[in-house]
Amino acid sequence: MADEDSCDRDSPESLKKKISKRSLRRLQVTAAKKLRCNVCPNKRFTSLKMYDDHMASKKHRKVKLQNNSEGAWVCQACELVLTSQSEWVKHLCGRRHHFKLKEWSLKLFPTSYPVIQKEIDLLDDSCYEETEDNDMETIDNKVGKVTLEINF
């Protein structure tokens, strides 16, 4: 009978009963403290699930792409690094990008700003006609008269 009792103590079922939830949690926390993300050095984990979720997250991929910028999709105007071509295309079509692009171009070229297709479509073609500019002759004549008057 003593042999049967010793076998029961070492069985997996008896071990499961001996390990409490609290001690299991402590083991998990100590194991998780050893987990590190080489890409995100300040990130700490309290569980293996948290580590796995982090590795699959967009934030982690972005930081990884910023560190290894080869093959990354970058928008210099918005200072963004995007993880895929589809995200990059969506960003380029977005409202925030167009706003930032206007802001950026006004800083670089204060007298002009980019016009997007939507703004062009808003113009009514019937209101605007292309005409030849003959006003330059009259302006040149006026400027010539003014300089002549000033010189006398």
C-alpha atoms as a PDB file:
ATOM      1  CA  MET A   1       0.000   0.000   0.000  1.00  0.00           C
ATOM      2  CA  ALA A   2       2.897   2.344   0.677  1.00  0.00           C
ATOM      3  CA  ASP A   3       4.085   1.841  -2.895  1.00  0.00           C
ATOM      4  CA  GLU A   4       0.687   2.884  -4.258  1.00  0.00           C
ATOM      5  CA  ASP A   5       0.710   6.107  -2.167  1.00  0.00           C
ATOM      6  CA  SER A   6       4.173   7.118  -3.412  1.00  0.00           C
ATOM      7  CA  CYS A   7       3.082   6.609  -7.031  1.00  0.00           C
ATOM      8  CA  ASP A   8       0.017   8.796  -6.491  1.00  0.00           C
ATOM      9  CA  ARG A   9       2.117  11.655  -5.102  1.00  0.00           C
ATOM     10  CA  ASP A  10       4.300  11.831  -8.207  1.00  0.00           C
ATOM     11  CA  SER A  11       1.503  11.575 -10.768  1.00  0.00           C
ATOM     12  CA  PRO A  12       0.690  14.639 -12.905  1.00  0.00           C
ATOM     13  CA  GLU A  13      -2.755  14.925 -11.337  1.00  0.00           C
ATOM     14  CA  SER A  14      -1.304  15.195  -7.851  1.00  0.00           C
ATOM     15  CA  LEU A  15       1.283  17.759  -9.019  1.00  0.00           C
ATOM     16  CA  LYS A  16      -1.468  19.915 -10.543  1.00  0.00           C
ATOM     17  CA  LYS A  17      -3.263  19.928  -7.232  1.00  0.00           C
ATOM     18  CA  LYS A  18      -0.080  20.905  -5.365  1.00  0.00           C
ATOM     19  CA  ILE A  19       0.719  23.909  -7.566  1.00  0.00           C
ATOM     20  CA  SER A  20      -1.599  26.692  -6.547  1.00  0.00           C
ATOM     21  CA  LYS A  21      -2.731  29.484  -8.823  1.00  0.00           C
ATOM     22  CA  ARG A  22      -0.667  31.949  -6.830  1.00  0.00           C
ATOM     23  CA  SER A  23       2.572  30.005  -7.201  1.00  0.00           C
ATOM     24  CA  LEU A  24       1.837  29.428 -10.886  1.00  0.00           C
ATOM     25  CA  ARG A  25       1.389  33.170 -11.337  1.00  0.00           C
ATOM     26  CA  ARG A  26       4.716  33.816  -9.583  1.00  0.00           C
ATOM     27  CA  LEU A  27       6.461  31.360 -11.897  1.00  0.00           C
ATOM     28  CA  GLN A  28       4.894  33.022 -14.912  1.00  0.00           C
ATOM     29  CA  VAL A  29       5.968  36.514 -13.783  1.00  0.00           C
ATOM     30  CA  THR A  30       9.563  35.425 -13.149  1.00  0.00           C
ATOM     31  CA  ALA A  31       9.702  33.731 -16.555  1.00  0.00           C
ATOM     32  CA  ALA A  32       8.138  36.776 -18.252  1.00  0.00           C
ATOM     33  CA  LYS A  33      10.729  39.097 -16.690  1.00  0.00           C
ATOM     34  CA  LYS A  34      13.355  37.268 -18.714  1.00  0.00           C
ATOM     35  CA  LEU A  35      11.528  38.001 -21.979  1.00  0.00           C
ATOM     36  CA  ARG A  36      12.933  40.973 -23.881  1.00  0.00           C
ATOM     37  CA  CYS A  37      12.163  42.621 -27.172  1.00  0.00           C
ATOM     38  CA  ASN A  38      15.383  43.542 -28.971  1.00  0.00           C
ATOM     39  CA  VAL A  39      13.536  46.076 -31.128  1.00  0.00           C
ATOM     40  CA  CYS A  40      11.639  47.836 -28.310  1.00  0.00           C
ATOM     41  CA  PRO A  41      14.127  47.878 -25.399  1.00  0.00           C
ATOM     42  CA  ASN A  42      11.870  49.718 -22.920  1.00  0.00           C
ATOM     43  CA  LYS A  43       9.012  47.236 -23.249  1.00  0.00           C
ATOM     44  CA  ARG A  44       8.424  44.938 -20.262  1.00  0.00           C
ATOM     45  CA  PHE A  45       6.190  41.879 -20.173  1.00  0.00           C
ATOM     46  CA  THR A  46       4.199  40.213 -17.411  1.00  0.00           C
ATOM     47  CA  SER A  47       3.108  37.170 -19.396  1.00  0.00           C
ATOM     48  CA  LEU A  48       3.957  35.122 -22.443  1.00  0.00           C
ATOM     49  CA  LYS A  49       0.656  36.155 -24.048  1.00  0.00           C
ATOM     50  CA  MET A  50       1.568  39.814 -23.627  1.00  0.00           C
ATOM     51  CA  TYR A  51       4.925  39.106 -25.301  1.00  0.00           C
ATOM     52  CA  ASP A  52       3.268  37.297 -28.228  1.00  0.00           C
ATOM     53  CA  ASP A  53       0.710  40.095 -28.641  1.00  0.00           C
ATOM     54  CA  HIS A  54       3.495  42.673 -28.683  1.00  0.00           C
ATOM     55  CA  MET A  55       5.478  40.782 -31.327  1.00  0.00           C
ATOM     56  CA  ALA A  56       2.395  40.710 -33.583  1.00  0.00           C
ATOM     57  CA  SER A  57       1.439  44.362 -32.967  1.00  0.00           C
ATOM     58  CA  LYS A  58       1.590  47.228 -35.477  1.00  0.00           C
ATOM     59  CA  LYS A  59       3.623  49.327 -33.045  1.00  0.00           C
ATOM     60  CA  HIS A  60       6.366  46.692 -32.906  1.00  0.00           C
ATOM     61  CA  ARG A  61       6.436  46.366 -36.700  1.00  0.00           C
ATOM     62  CA  LYS A  62       6.677  50.161 -37.094  1.00  0.00           C
ATOM     63  CA  VAL A  63       9.615  50.432 -34.706  1.00  0.00           C
ATOM     64  CA  LYS A  64      11.263  47.481 -36.422  1.00  0.00           C
ATOM     65  CA  LEU A  65      10.839  49.159 -39.824  1.00  0.00           C
ATOM     66  CA  GLN A  66      12.166  52.469 -38.505  1.00  0.00           C
ATOM     67  CA  ASN A  67      15.294  50.705 -37.308  1.00  0.00           C
ATOM     68  CA  ASN A  68      15.626  48.810 -40.580  1.00  0.00           C
ATOM     69  CA  SER A  69      14.383  51.419 -43.037  1.00  0.00           C
ATOM     70  CA  GLU A  70      15.199  49.336 -46.118  1.00  0.00           C
ATOM     71  CA  GLY A  71      11.900  48.353 -47.699  1.00  0.00           C
ATOM     72  CA  ALA A  72       9.924  50.721 -45.466  1.00  0.00           C
ATOM     73  CA  TRP A  73       7.274  53.064 -46.839  1.00  0.00           C
ATOM     74  CA  VAL A  74       8.121  56.569 -45.643  1.00  0.00           C
ATOM     75  CA  CYS A  75       6.177  59.844 -45.868  1.00  0.00           C
ATOM     76  CA  GLN A  76       8.661  62.640 -45.229  1.00  0.00           C
ATOM     77  CA  ALA A  77       6.004  65.366 -45.042  1.00  0.00           C
ATOM     78  CA  CYS A  78       4.135  63.620 -42.218  1.00  0.00           C
ATOM     79  CA  GLU A  79       7.256  61.967 -40.756  1.00  0.00           C
ATOM     80  CA  LEU A  80       5.633  58.532 -40.884  1.00  0.00           C
ATOM     81  CA  VAL A  81       7.027  55.083 -41.509  1.00  0.00           C
ATOM     82  CA  LEU A  82       4.353  52.745 -42.812  1.00  0.00           C
ATOM     83  CA  THR A  83       4.505  48.973 -42.684  1.00  0.00           C
ATOM     84  CA  SER A  84       3.067  48.135 -46.104  1.00  0.00           C
ATOM     85  CA  GLN A  85       2.388  49.575 -49.521  1.00  0.00           C
ATOM     86  CA  SER A  86      -1.385  49.447 -48.987  1.00  0.00           C
ATOM     87  CA  GLU A  87      -1.085  51.512 -45.777  1.00  0.00           C
ATOM     88  CA  TRP A  88       1.160  53.965 -47.628  1.00  0.00           C
ATOM     89  CA  VAL A  89      -1.340  54.389 -50.481  1.00  0.00           C
ATOM     90  CA  LYS A  90      -4.195  54.901 -47.988  1.00  0.00           C
ATOM     91  CA  HIS A  91      -2.110  57.493 -46.186  1.00  0.00           C
ATOM     92  CA  LEU A  92      -1.333  59.376 -49.414  1.00  0.00           C
ATOM     93  CA  CYS A  93      -5.055  59.607 -50.219  1.00  0.00           C
ATOM     94  CA  GLY A  94      -5.928  60.730 -46.703  1.00  0.00           C
ATOM     95  CA  ARG A  95      -7.097  64.115 -45.475  1.00  0.00           C
ATOM     96  CA  ARG A  96      -4.343  64.499 -42.881  1.00  0.00           C
ATOM     97  CA  HIS A  97      -1.632  63.868 -45.471  1.00  0.00           C
ATOM     98  CA  HIS A  98      -3.037  66.512 -47.826  1.00  0.00           C
ATOM     99  CA  PHE A  99      -3.290  69.014 -44.975  1.00  0.00           C
ATOM    100  CA  LYS A 100       0.282  68.281 -43.892  1.00  0.00           C
ATOM    101  CA  LEU A 101       1.486  68.495 -47.499  1.00  0.00           C
ATOM    102  CA  LYS A 102      -0.023  71.972 -47.894  1.00  0.00           C
ATOM    103  CA  GLU A 103       1.488  73.048 -44.586  1.00  0.00           C
ATOM    104  CA  TRP A 104       4.875  71.627 -45.558  1.00  0.00           C
ATOM    105  CA  SER A 105       4.906  73.221 -49.015  1.00  0.00           C
ATOM    106  CA  LEU A 106       3.927  76.625 -47.613  1.00  0.00           C
ATOM    107  CA  LYS A 107       6.968  76.458 -45.342  1.00  0.00           C
ATOM    108  CA  LEU A 108       9.248  75.547 -48.239  1.00  0.00           C
ATOM    109  CA  PHE A 109       7.612  77.745 -50.903  1.00  0.00           C
ATOM    110  CA  PRO A 110       5.619  80.516 -49.176  1.00  0.00           C
ATOM    111  CA  THR A 111       4.101  81.876 -52.402  1.00  0.00           C
ATOM    112  CA  SER A 112       2.535  78.638 -53.634  1.00  0.00           C
ATOM    113  CA  TYR A 113       0.815  75.553 -52.324  1.00  0.00           C
ATOM    114  CA  PRO A 114      -0.120  72.253 -53.982  1.00  0.00           C
ATOM    115  CA  VAL A 115      -3.513  71.917 -55.578  1.00  0.00           C
ATOM    116  CA  ILE A 116      -5.204  68.550 -55.322  1.00  0.00           C
ATOM    117  CA  GLN A 117      -7.647  67.074 -57.813  1.00  0.00           C
ATOM    118  CA  LYS A 118     -10.665  67.721 -55.554  1.00  0.00           C
ATOM    119  CA  GLU A 119      -9.879  71.443 -55.559  1.00  0.00           C
ATOM    120  CA  ILE A 120      -9.588  71.445 -59.334  1.00  0.00           C
ATOM    121  CA  ASP A 121     -12.930  69.650 -59.639  1.00  0.00           C
ATOM    122  CA  LEU A 122     -14.574  72.326 -57.505  1.00  0.00           C
ATOM    123  CA  LEU A 123     -13.804  74.971 -60.097  1.00  0.00           C
ATOM    124  CA  ASP A 124     -16.636  75.498 -62.555  1.00  0.00           C
ATOM    125  CA  ASP A 125     -15.272  75.403 -66.104  1.00  0.00           C
ATOM    126  CA  SER A 126     -17.934  77.783 -67.399  1.00  0.00           C
ATOM    127  CA  CYS A 127     -16.757  80.566 -65.076  1.00  0.00           C
ATOM    128  CA  TYR A 128     -13.178  80.495 -66.271  1.00  0.00           C
ATOM    129  CA  GLU A 129     -11.972  80.929 -69.808  1.00  0.00           C
ATOM    130  CA  GLU A 130      -8.455  80.966 -71.075  1.00  0.00           C
ATOM    131  CA  THR A 131      -7.686  84.250 -72.763  1.00  0.00           C
ATOM    132  CA  GLU A 132      -4.604  85.672 -74.314  1.00  0.00           C
ATOM    133  CA  ASP A 133      -2.856  88.220 -72.138  1.00  0.00           C
ATOM    134  CA  ASN A 134      -2.496  91.507 -74.060  1.00  0.00           C
ATOM    135  CA  ASP A 135      -2.183  93.606 -70.931  1.00  0.00           C
ATOM    136  CA  MET A 136       1.608  93.352 -70.887  1.00  0.00           C
ATOM    137  CA  GLU A 137       1.874  95.952 -73.680  1.00  0.00           C
ATOM    138  CA  THR A 138      -0.106  98.521 -71.741  1.00  0.00           C
ATOM    139  CA  ILE A 139       1.801  97.795 -68.544  1.00  0.00           C
ATOM    140  CA  ASP A 140       5.131  98.230 -70.348  1.00  0.00           C
ATOM    141  CA  ASN A 141       3.950 101.537 -71.809  1.00  0.00           C
ATOM    142  CA  LYS A 142       2.783 102.809 -68.415  1.00  0.00           C
ATOM    143  CA  VAL A 143       6.026 101.795 -66.752  1.00  0.00           C
ATOM    144  CA  GLY A 144       7.989 103.500 -69.523  1.00  0.00           C
ATOM    145  CA  LYS A 145       5.998 106.731 -69.110  1.00  0.00           C
ATOM    146  CA  VAL A 146       6.472 106.678 -65.360  1.00  0.00           C
ATOM    147  CA  THR A 147      10.215 106.270 -65.632  1.00  0.00           C
ATOM    148  CA  LEU A 148      10.394 109.015 -68.214  1.00  0.00           C
ATOM    149  CA  GLU A 149       8.434 111.345 -65.977  1.00  0.00           C
ATOM    150  CA  ILE A 150      10.644 110.552 -63.008  1.00  0.00           C
ATOM    151  CA  ASN A 151      13.878 111.103 -64.930  1.00  0.00           C
ATOM    152  CA  PHE A 152      12.920 114.638 -66.035  1.00  0.00           C
END
